Amino acid sequence: MILYRPVGTEELRLIENSGNRRFPPRLPDQPIFYPVLNEEYAIEIASKWNAVYNSDHKGYVTRFEVEDSFVSKYETHVVGKSMHEELWVPSEELEEFNDHIIGEIEVIRVFEGT
């Protein structure tokens, strides 16, 4: 399954430090990791949130693939409009999730706010 993840610069650097193969552990106050199911939603978050509210005013959209048989165990959650589809991966399962990423996590869009 192809998934997307909007990230800021700090998270992107951690992804790059893994050789573009893993997402970093969640912070203690972040109980879920939520990749999104469509590029349009990821663009909305990266451009309207990350690029506006992050200290460096940059947002990135990453794309990656996860084994279908593994990712199918996670339910899709709609968190707004019908296009706002996310998978909710409990933080404690992120390492296992990372183990099922196929290939590299790639940056497909970059946004800069003011």
Protein backbone atom coordinates (compact mmCIF):
# COMPACT_ATOMS: atom_id res chain seq x y z
CA MET A 1 0.00 0.00 0.00
CA ILE A 2 1.29 3.45 -0.88
CA LEU A 3 1.02 5.88 2.03
CA TYR A 4 1.97 9.49 2.67
CA ARG A 5 3.27 11.32 5.69
CA PRO A 6 3.48 15.11 6.02
CA VAL A 7 6.52 16.04 8.09
CA GLY A 8 8.53 19.02 9.23
CA THR A 9 12.26 19.54 8.85
CA GLU A 10 13.19 17.96 12.18
CA GLU A 11 11.33 14.72 11.44
CA LEU A 12 12.69 14.69 7.88
CA ARG A 13 16.28 14.85 9.19
CA LEU A 14 15.61 11.86 11.44
CA ILE A 15 14.17 9.95 8.47
CA GLU A 16 17.24 10.83 6.41
CA ASN A 17 19.51 9.69 9.26
CA SER A 18 17.89 6.24 8.94
CA GLY A 19 18.85 6.05 5.27
CA ASN A 20 15.28 7.03 4.36
CA ARG A 21 14.01 3.70 5.63
CA ARG A 22 12.39 4.43 9.02
CA PHE A 23 10.21 6.92 10.79
CA PRO A 24 11.53 8.10 14.16
CA PRO A 25 9.94 7.03 17.43
CA ARG A 26 6.99 9.08 18.59
CA LEU A 27 7.37 11.52 21.47
CA PRO A 28 5.83 10.57 24.83
CA ASP A 29 2.78 12.77 24.20
CA GLN A 30 2.18 11.22 20.74
CA PRO A 31 0.29 7.93 21.23
CA ILE A 32 -0.21 7.24 17.52
CA PHE A 33 1.66 7.45 14.25
CA TYR A 34 -0.72 8.43 11.50
CA PRO A 35 0.28 8.01 7.87
CA VAL A 36 -2.36 9.29 5.47
CA LEU A 37 -3.91 7.46 2.55
CA ASN A 38 -3.85 10.12 -0.13
CA GLU A 39 -1.46 12.73 -1.43
CA GLU A 40 -4.07 15.51 -1.42
CA TYR A 41 -4.55 15.22 2.34
CA ALA A 42 -0.79 15.09 2.95
CA ILE A 43 -0.35 18.23 0.84
CA GLU A 44 -3.03 19.99 2.87
CA ILE A 45 -1.26 19.23 6.16
CA ALA A 46 2.26 20.03 4.90
CA SER A 47 1.28 23.29 3.24
CA LYS A 48 -1.33 24.61 5.68
CA TRP A 49 0.14 23.36 8.94
CA ASN A 50 3.83 22.42 8.75
CA ALA A 51 4.84 25.30 6.47
CA VAL A 52 2.90 27.78 8.59
CA TYR A 53 3.47 26.67 12.18
CA ASN A 54 6.91 25.01 12.21
CA SER A 55 9.73 27.31 13.29
CA ASP A 56 11.45 27.16 9.88
CA HIS A 57 8.14 27.41 7.97
CA LYS A 58 8.80 24.31 5.89
CA GLY A 59 6.64 21.28 5.25
CA TYR A 60 7.33 18.11 3.29
CA VAL A 61 5.20 15.33 1.89
CA THR A 62 6.78 11.90 2.01
CA ARG A 63 5.59 8.83 0.12
CA PHE A 64 6.39 5.25 0.99
CA GLU A 65 5.11 1.74 0.54
CA VAL A 66 4.21 -0.76 3.24
CA GLU A 67 3.51 -4.47 2.75
CA ASP A 68 -0.23 -4.85 2.10
CA SER A 69 -0.53 -7.95 4.26
CA PHE A 70 0.94 -6.12 7.25
CA VAL A 71 -0.78 -2.76 6.92
CA SER A 72 -4.22 -4.33 6.44
CA LYS A 73 -4.47 -4.86 10.21
CA TYR A 74 -4.87 -1.11 10.77
CA GLU A 75 -8.26 0.53 10.41
CA THR A 76 -8.76 3.60 8.27
CA HIS A 77 -10.01 6.61 10.20
CA VAL A 78 -11.71 9.59 8.55
CA VAL A 79 -10.93 12.69 10.61
CA GLY A 80 -12.82 15.43 8.80
CA LYS A 81 -13.74 15.53 5.15
CA SER A 82 -13.99 12.22 3.32
CA MET A 83 -10.46 12.68 1.92
CA HIS A 84 -8.99 12.99 5.44
CA GLU A 85 -8.14 9.30 5.73
CA GLU A 86 -5.46 8.11 8.14
CA LEU A 87 -4.17 4.85 9.51
CA TRP A 88 -3.67 4.90 13.27
CA VAL A 89 -0.60 2.95 14.26
CA PRO A 90 -0.02 2.78 18.03
CA SER A 91 3.36 4.31 18.89
CA GLU A 92 4.56 1.07 20.43
CA GLU A 93 4.06 -0.65 17.04
CA LEU A 94 6.01 1.89 14.98
CA GLU A 95 9.25 -0.12 14.94
CA GLU A 96 7.42 -3.15 13.56
CA PHE A 97 5.62 -0.89 11.06
CA ASN A 98 9.02 0.44 9.94
CA ASP A 99 10.21 -3.15 9.42
CA HIS A 100 7.49 -3.57 6.78
CA ILE A 101 8.32 -0.49 4.70
CA ILE A 102 9.30 -1.50 1.17
CA GLY A 103 12.17 0.53 -0.25
CA GLU A 104 12.84 4.11 0.76
CA ILE A 105 10.74 6.94 2.13
CA GLU A 106 10.87 9.68 -0.49
CA VAL A 107 10.10 13.39 -0.38
CA ILE A 108 7.67 14.23 -3.17
CA ARG A 109 6.64 17.80 -2.25
CA VAL A 110 8.22 20.71 -0.39
CA PHE A 111 6.34 23.75 0.91
CA GLU A 112 7.70 26.98 2.34
CA GLY A 113 5.50 29.37 4.25
CA THR A 114 6.09 32.93 5.27
